[in-house]
Protein backbone atom coordinates (compact mmCIF):
# COMPACT_ATOMS: atom_id res chain seq x y z
CA MET A 1 64.51 -15.50 13.49
CA PRO A 2 68.30 -15.94 14.04
CA LEU A 3 68.95 -15.79 17.41
CA SER A 4 71.31 -13.03 17.11
CA GLU A 5 68.44 -10.62 16.17
CA PHE A 6 66.03 -12.13 18.64
CA THR A 7 68.93 -11.38 21.27
CA ALA A 8 69.86 -7.84 19.84
CA LEU A 9 65.62 -7.07 19.94
CA LEU A 10 65.21 -8.23 23.72
CA LEU A 11 68.44 -5.79 24.62
CA VAL A 12 66.13 -2.83 22.38
CA ALA A 13 63.14 -3.85 24.16
CA THR A 14 64.96 -3.17 27.53
CA ALA A 15 66.44 -0.50 27.36
CA ALA A 16 63.07 1.46 25.35
CA SER A 17 60.89 -0.17 28.43
CA PHE A 18 62.79 0.07 31.20
CA THR A 19 64.56 3.88 30.96
CA PRO A 20 62.39 6.36 32.38
CA GLY A 21 59.67 7.97 30.18
CA PRO A 22 56.24 9.34 30.34
CA ASN A 23 54.39 6.06 30.62
CA THR A 24 56.63 4.85 33.50
CA THR A 25 56.71 8.12 35.66
CA LEU A 26 52.55 8.17 35.16
CA SER A 27 53.03 4.15 36.67
CA THR A 28 55.26 5.21 39.72
CA ALA A 29 53.10 8.63 40.18
CA ILE A 30 49.29 7.26 40.13
CA ALA A 31 50.65 3.96 41.82
CA ALA A 32 52.17 6.12 45.04
CA ASN A 33 48.54 8.35 45.27
CA ARG A 34 46.34 5.55 44.49
CA GLY A 35 47.58 2.05 45.24
CA LEU A 36 48.55 -0.52 42.94
CA ARG A 37 45.01 -1.25 42.23
CA GLY A 38 44.46 2.45 41.32
CA ALA A 39 47.81 2.15 38.75
CA MET A 40 46.74 -0.65 37.60
CA ARG A 41 44.04 0.65 34.41
CA PHE A 42 46.87 2.62 33.37
CA VAL A 43 49.72 -0.34 33.56
CA CYS A 44 47.52 -1.60 31.32
CA ALA A 45 46.39 0.52 29.04
CA VAL A 46 50.41 1.15 27.79
CA PRO A 47 51.04 -1.79 26.37
CA VAL A 48 46.97 -1.68 24.28
CA GLY A 49 47.88 1.42 23.31
CA TRP A 50 52.12 0.78 22.55
CA GLY A 51 50.63 -2.51 20.09
CA LEU A 52 48.40 -0.60 18.09
CA LEU A 53 50.69 1.67 17.46
CA PHE A 54 52.78 -0.59 16.41
CA VAL A 55 51.43 -2.38 14.20
CA ALA A 56 50.46 1.14 12.66
CA CYS A 57 54.05 1.63 12.10
CA ALA A 58 54.05 -1.97 10.64
CA MET A 59 51.23 -1.08 8.00
CA GLY A 60 53.38 2.03 7.64
CA VAL A 61 51.21 4.73 8.93
CA GLY A 62 54.56 5.35 11.28
CA ALA A 63 56.09 6.02 8.11
CA LEU A 64 53.29 8.62 7.05
CA ILE A 65 53.26 10.46 10.29
CA VAL A 66 56.98 11.15 9.72
CA ALA A 67 57.04 12.06 6.95
CA VAL A 68 54.69 14.73 6.49
CA PRO A 69 55.06 17.48 8.52
CA ALA A 70 52.05 18.44 9.87
CA LEU A 71 51.14 15.02 11.09
CA ARG A 72 54.65 14.71 12.48
CA TRP A 73 53.77 18.21 14.08
CA ALA A 74 50.44 17.59 15.18
CA VAL A 75 51.41 14.60 17.22
CA LEU A 76 54.65 16.01 18.94
CA GLY A 77 52.55 19.08 19.80
CA LEU A 78 49.50 17.39 21.27
CA GLY A 79 51.51 14.69 23.16
CA THR A 80 53.61 17.73 24.73
CA ALA A 81 50.66 20.12 26.03
CA TYR A 82 49.04 16.50 27.08
CA MET A 83 51.93 15.57 29.16
CA LEU A 84 52.43 19.49 30.54
CA TRP A 85 48.67 19.22 31.28
CA LEU A 86 49.02 15.91 33.34
CA ALA A 87 52.27 17.09 34.97
CA ALA A 88 50.58 20.56 36.41
CA ARG A 89 47.51 18.46 37.33
CA LEU A 90 50.00 16.58 39.23
CA ALA A 91 52.19 19.41 40.73
CA ARG A 92 48.99 20.66 42.43
CA SER A 93 48.02 16.90 44.52
CA GLY A 94 49.73 17.65 47.76
CA THR A 95 47.62 14.72 49.85
CA LEU A 96 46.22 10.95 49.24
CA ALA A 97 42.65 12.37 49.76
CA GLN A 98 43.00 14.94 46.68
CA ALA A 99 45.13 12.43 44.46
CA ASP A 100 42.65 9.71 45.13
CA GLY A 101 40.02 12.45 43.21
CA ALA A 102 40.16 13.18 39.97
CA ARG A 103 43.68 15.04 40.02
CA LEU A 104 45.64 11.16 38.73
CA ASP A 105 42.25 9.81 37.28
CA VAL A 106 43.79 9.18 33.71
CA THR A 107 41.53 6.72 31.81
CA PHE A 108 42.43 3.45 30.00
CA TRP A 109 41.33 5.14 27.15
CA GLN A 110 43.54 8.27 27.96
CA GLY A 111 46.17 5.93 28.26
CA VAL A 112 46.16 4.40 25.08
CA LEU A 113 45.76 7.54 23.29
CA LEU A 114 49.14 9.08 25.27
CA GLN A 115 51.24 6.35 23.14
CA PHE A 116 50.11 7.63 20.02
CA LEU A 117 50.59 11.13 20.78
CA ASN A 118 54.66 10.12 22.03
CA ILE A 119 56.51 11.15 18.69
CA LYS A 120 59.68 9.18 20.37
CA ALA A 121 57.66 5.83 21.25
CA TRP A 122 56.54 6.19 17.12
CA MET A 123 60.55 6.78 16.38
CA LEU A 124 61.27 3.70 18.06
CA ALA A 125 58.37 1.25 16.73
CA LEU A 126 59.57 2.85 12.65
CA ALA A 127 62.85 1.27 14.44
CA VAL A 128 62.29 -1.52 15.42
CA VAL A 129 59.63 -2.31 12.57
CA ALA A 130 62.68 -1.09 10.16
CA GLY A 131 65.52 -3.32 11.79
CA TRP A 132 63.14 -6.51 12.52
CA ILE A 133 60.39 -6.65 10.15
CA ALA A 134 60.33 -4.83 7.49
CA GLY A 135 61.38 -6.05 3.62
CA ARG A 136 61.59 -9.30 5.18
CA PRO A 137 60.30 -12.20 3.22
CA ASP A 138 58.91 -13.43 6.72
CA ALA A 139 57.43 -10.47 7.76
CA PRO A 140 54.39 -11.54 9.24
CA THR A 141 55.54 -14.24 11.14
CA ARG A 142 58.29 -11.99 12.57
CA LEU A 143 55.35 -9.34 13.62
CA THR A 144 53.32 -11.72 15.66
CA LEU A 145 57.15 -12.63 17.32
CA VAL A 146 58.39 -9.20 17.61
CA LEU A 147 54.73 -7.46 18.70
CA PRO A 148 54.26 -9.75 21.88
CA VAL A 149 57.79 -9.27 23.07
CA MET A 150 57.46 -5.85 23.05
CA VAL A 151 53.72 -5.49 24.63
CA VAL A 152 54.93 -8.09 27.24
CA PHE A 153 58.12 -5.63 27.87
CA GLY A 154 55.88 -2.36 27.98
CA PHE A 155 53.61 -4.07 30.48
CA VAL A 156 56.57 -5.66 32.87
CA SER A 157 58.26 -2.43 32.74
CA ASN A 158 55.08 0.00 33.49
CA LEU A 159 54.34 -2.74 36.45
CA THR A 160 57.57 -2.68 37.77
CA TYR A 161 57.67 1.13 38.35
CA ALA A 162 54.25 0.97 39.42
CA LEU A 163 55.24 -1.86 42.17
CA VAL A 164 57.60 0.71 43.33
CA GLY A 165 54.98 3.75 43.21
CA SER A 166 53.01 1.35 45.89
CA LEU A 167 55.90 0.86 48.18
CA LEU A 168 56.66 4.30 48.59
CA ARG A 169 53.05 4.88 49.47
CA ASP A 170 52.96 4.74 53.26
CA TRP A 171 55.80 6.48 53.48
CA LEU A 172 54.87 9.12 51.50
CA ALA A 173 51.64 9.61 53.42
CA GLN A 174 53.46 11.92 56.51
CA GLY A 175 53.40 15.38 55.90
CA ARG A 176 54.27 17.26 52.81
CA ARG A 177 56.57 14.02 51.22
CA LEU A 178 53.48 13.00 48.88
CA LEU A 179 53.79 16.91 47.45
CA GLY A 180 57.13 16.92 46.91
CA PHE A 181 56.84 13.59 45.69
CA ASN A 182 54.31 14.55 43.23
CA ARG A 183 56.07 17.96 42.01
CA LEU A 184 59.40 15.56 41.19
CA MET A 185 57.10 13.21 38.95
CA ALA A 186 56.24 16.28 37.73
CA ALA A 187 58.77 17.94 37.14
CA ALA A 188 60.29 14.87 35.33
CA LEU A 189 56.94 14.98 32.87
CA VAL A 190 57.83 18.49 32.03
CA LEU A 191 61.68 17.30 31.29
CA THR A 192 60.04 14.77 29.19
CA ALA A 193 57.95 16.68 26.99
CA GLY A 194 60.63 18.83 26.73
CA TRP A 195 62.84 16.37 25.73
CA MET A 196 60.88 14.94 22.87
CA ALA A 197 60.39 18.16 21.65
CA TRP A 198 64.03 19.22 21.29
CA SER A 199 64.91 15.83 20.00
CA ALA A 200 61.67 16.11 17.06
CA VAL A 201 63.19 19.47 15.94
CA GLN A 202 67.05 18.48 15.82
């Protein structure tokens, strides 16, 4: 792969990974409520799920999701509903004791599954596959190069957001700060879900 193409890939990966979204919002919120160790399960789940989704797109599944309206709406509907459900649980967590219970207990496999319920993640994966892999004579080699880049960026971005959340933990434990923070994060999830739905119907 030419250096110019690889540089462009790094720019796309940076923009896609480090801008706020459902994954980074959840990484921040979980770490702020449960600590960095408590967030690592989700932080590790994101790149695993993203990597599986990316490979699925490279094999043609993503094009099928986009081409069949029923599948596209199913992904959008389930993803939006799941994010709203998480937002509702998060908005009711007002103390670290509550948050350490079931409210923010996102399992590893739920974190992996969340990637498959994000229609924008499908679109991003399709865009990267179309731009850097599909139709190229060296497509398998390109996949082995592009996939690790996207997975590493997914991990590092979510770890970064989780570190920020964990650094806020002691400050948030005072008074009603945590409740306000959690409601802010819940609102961000709701807005993200709304943005996904709005973008999908345009």
